[in-house]
Protein backbone atom coordinates (compact mmCIF):
# COMPACT_ATOMS: atom_id res chain seq x y z
CA UNK A 1 55.18 -21.10 -6.87
CA UNK A 2 53.41 -19.36 -10.10
CA UNK A 3 49.69 -18.05 -9.03
CA UNK A 4 47.01 -18.96 -11.41
CA UNK A 5 44.25 -16.48 -11.03
CA UNK A 6 40.79 -18.19 -11.33
CA UNK A 7 38.13 -17.14 -14.09
CA UNK A 8 35.39 -18.09 -11.14
CA UNK A 9 31.98 -16.44 -11.91
CA UNK A 10 32.75 -15.08 -14.91
CA UNK A 11 30.53 -16.09 -18.50
CA UNK A 12 32.12 -15.47 -22.13
CA UNK A 13 30.19 -12.49 -23.38
CA UNK A 14 28.15 -14.74 -26.00
CA UNK A 15 26.73 -17.24 -23.46
CA UNK A 16 23.17 -17.42 -23.51
CA UNK A 17 21.69 -17.44 -19.55
CA UNK A 18 18.88 -19.36 -18.39
CA UNK A 19 15.46 -18.46 -17.47
CA UNK A 20 15.33 -17.67 -14.11
CA UNK A 21 11.29 -16.75 -13.06
CA UNK A 22 9.88 -20.40 -12.48
CA UNK A 23 6.82 -18.92 -13.23
CA UNK A 24 5.14 -18.31 -16.57
CA UNK A 25 4.63 -14.74 -18.08
CA UNK A 26 1.16 -14.93 -17.09
CA UNK A 27 1.16 -16.57 -13.42
CA UNK A 28 4.27 -13.44 -13.13
CA UNK A 29 1.93 -11.01 -14.29
CA UNK A 30 -1.30 -12.00 -12.32
CA UNK A 31 1.18 -12.89 -8.90
CA UNK A 32 2.37 -8.79 -9.22
CA UNK A 33 -0.67 -7.45 -10.26
CA UNK A 34 -1.99 -8.85 -6.52
CA UNK A 35 0.37 -6.74 -4.79
CA UNK A 36 -1.29 -3.91 -3.67
CA UNK A 37 0.75 -0.43 -3.20
CA UNK A 38 0.69 1.15 0.26
CA UNK A 39 2.19 4.45 -0.88
CA UNK A 40 4.45 6.14 -0.06
CA UNK A 41 4.63 5.75 3.95
CA UNK A 42 7.28 8.04 4.85
CA UNK A 43 6.06 11.04 2.64
CA UNK A 44 2.54 10.27 3.41
CA UNK A 45 3.11 10.24 7.19
CA UNK A 46 5.15 13.16 7.36
CA UNK A 47 2.09 15.49 5.58
CA UNK A 48 -0.86 13.42 7.63
CA UNK A 49 1.49 14.56 10.97
CA UNK A 50 1.03 17.77 9.96
CA UNK A 51 -2.25 18.09 8.71
CA UNK A 52 -3.04 17.14 12.25
CA UNK A 53 -0.78 19.10 13.74
CA UNK A 54 -2.55 22.36 11.60
CA UNK A 55 -5.59 21.25 12.99
CA UNK A 56 -7.18 20.63 9.18
CA UNK A 57 -10.05 18.02 9.65
CA UNK A 58 -12.41 15.82 7.28
CA UNK A 59 -9.84 14.00 5.00
CA UNK A 60 -9.64 10.56 4.02
CA UNK A 61 -6.65 8.39 3.02
CA UNK A 62 -6.37 6.86 -0.57
CA UNK A 63 -10.21 7.22 -1.12
CA UNK A 64 -11.03 3.93 -3.19
CA UNK A 65 -14.47 6.03 -4.34
CA UNK A 66 -12.41 8.51 -6.03
CA UNK A 67 -10.37 7.06 -9.75
CA UNK A 68 -6.57 7.08 -8.92
CA UNK A 69 -6.69 6.32 -5.14
CA UNK A 70 -6.20 10.27 -4.59
CA UNK A 71 -3.37 9.72 -0.85
CA UNK A 72 -5.73 13.01 1.00
CA UNK A 73 -9.26 13.91 -0.08
CA UNK A 74 -11.48 16.44 1.44
CA UNK A 75 -14.74 15.09 -0.02
CA UNK A 76 -16.57 18.46 1.42
CA UNK A 77 -14.47 20.74 -0.18
CA UNK A 78 -14.20 18.48 -2.99
CA UNK A 79 -10.59 18.52 -3.11
CA UNK A 80 -8.17 15.57 -4.30
CA UNK A 81 -4.53 15.67 -3.19
CA UNK A 82 -1.93 13.44 -4.94
CA UNK A 83 2.17 13.16 -3.48
CA UNK A 84 3.22 11.67 -6.59
CA UNK A 85 7.00 9.93 -5.77
CA UNK A 86 9.85 11.56 -8.16
CA UNK A 87 10.90 8.14 -9.18
CA UNK A 88 7.71 6.96 -10.61
CA UNK A 89 6.01 9.73 -12.06
CA UNK A 90 9.27 11.46 -13.64
CA UNK A 91 9.83 14.64 -11.25
CA UNK A 92 11.88 16.95 -13.81
CA UNK A 93 13.99 17.72 -10.81
CA UNK A 94 14.95 14.79 -9.37
CA UNK A 95 13.98 11.49 -11.93
CA UNK A 96 16.85 9.40 -12.86
CA UNK A 97 16.19 6.55 -15.63
CA UNK A 98 17.59 3.16 -14.86
CA UNK A 99 20.59 2.26 -17.31
CA UNK A 100 19.04 -1.20 -17.57
CA UNK A 101 16.03 -2.23 -18.66
CA UNK A 102 15.54 1.49 -20.88
CA UNK A 103 13.11 0.27 -23.00
CA UNK A 104 10.77 -0.93 -20.33
CA UNK A 105 11.21 1.79 -18.01
CA UNK A 106 10.36 4.41 -20.33
CA UNK A 107 7.31 2.97 -21.47
CA UNK A 108 6.33 2.47 -17.71
CA UNK A 109 6.85 6.11 -16.90
CA UNK A 110 5.03 7.19 -19.90
CA UNK A 111 2.11 5.31 -18.65
CA UNK A 112 2.59 6.20 -15.61
CA UNK A 113 2.49 10.26 -16.95
CA UNK A 114 -0.48 9.35 -18.77
CA UNK A 115 -2.31 7.80 -16.16
CA UNK A 116 -1.74 10.52 -13.50
CA UNK A 117 -3.17 13.26 -16.45
CA UNK A 118 -6.26 11.43 -17.15
CA UNK A 119 -7.06 10.89 -13.55
CA UNK A 120 -6.55 14.69 -13.34
CA UNK A 121 -8.79 15.44 -16.06
CA UNK A 122 -11.74 13.26 -14.87
CA UNK A 123 -11.75 14.28 -11.48
CA UNK A 124 -11.52 17.80 -12.67
CA UNK A 125 -14.57 17.27 -15.25
CA UNK A 126 -16.37 15.39 -11.93
CA UNK A 127 -15.55 18.96 -10.17
CA UNK A 128 -12.96 18.09 -8.71
CA UNK A 129 -9.99 20.30 -7.60
CA UNK A 130 -6.89 18.39 -8.12
CA UNK A 131 -3.54 19.09 -6.42
CA UNK A 132 -0.23 17.32 -7.00
CA UNK A 133 3.27 17.67 -5.21
CA UNK A 134 6.21 15.75 -5.90
CA UNK A 135 8.35 13.61 -3.03
CA UNK A 136 10.79 16.31 -2.51
CA UNK A 137 8.34 19.28 -2.11
CA UNK A 138 6.73 17.02 1.19
CA UNK A 139 10.33 15.89 2.15
CA UNK A 140 11.90 19.42 2.41
CA UNK A 141 8.88 21.05 3.61
CA UNK A 142 5.87 18.96 4.52
CA UNK A 143 4.30 21.83 6.16
CA UNK A 144 4.53 24.07 3.58
CA UNK A 145 2.67 21.65 1.38
CA UNK A 146 0.14 21.70 4.29
CA UNK A 147 0.01 25.57 3.87
CA UNK A 148 -0.84 25.32 0.30
CA UNK A 149 -3.66 22.62 0.88
CA UNK A 150 -5.30 24.73 3.85
CA UNK A 151 -4.88 27.49 1.09
CA UNK A 152 -6.96 25.66 -1.13
CA UNK A 153 -9.39 24.20 1.40
CA UNK A 154 -9.92 28.28 2.68
CA UNK A 155 -10.53 29.35 -1.12
CA UNK A 156 -12.63 26.61 -2.20
């Protein structure tokens, strides 16, 4: 008996796919904009743990009082600390561009980097010192990130 391979699940190359989203573009946009980020919990948690262990006090997490909601804010010393995710902020060491929907993701990255620069500029004009770390730096050695923060606090 001859076996016949079934062509299950394959579509012809010129087949049009049906629209999968049941919401309109505006509804989807409103829905997605209502979802608030919680930050990179593992990375921030490691740095937070090292800050506490080092006895460094007087910081606030994700202060909404400042533009860009820095990950750690030292109000008294006017120091804003950002821990930028390697993927979302285009780390030159770690970033790998997605292979699908390239135009969307490249524009997304450009917007993120442009916004990061604008936020840094605004904060510095307002008299804040701004320091940015990459996610991989805090994953590799959160204690070295905290050491640098301590140096900035002392020199400030």
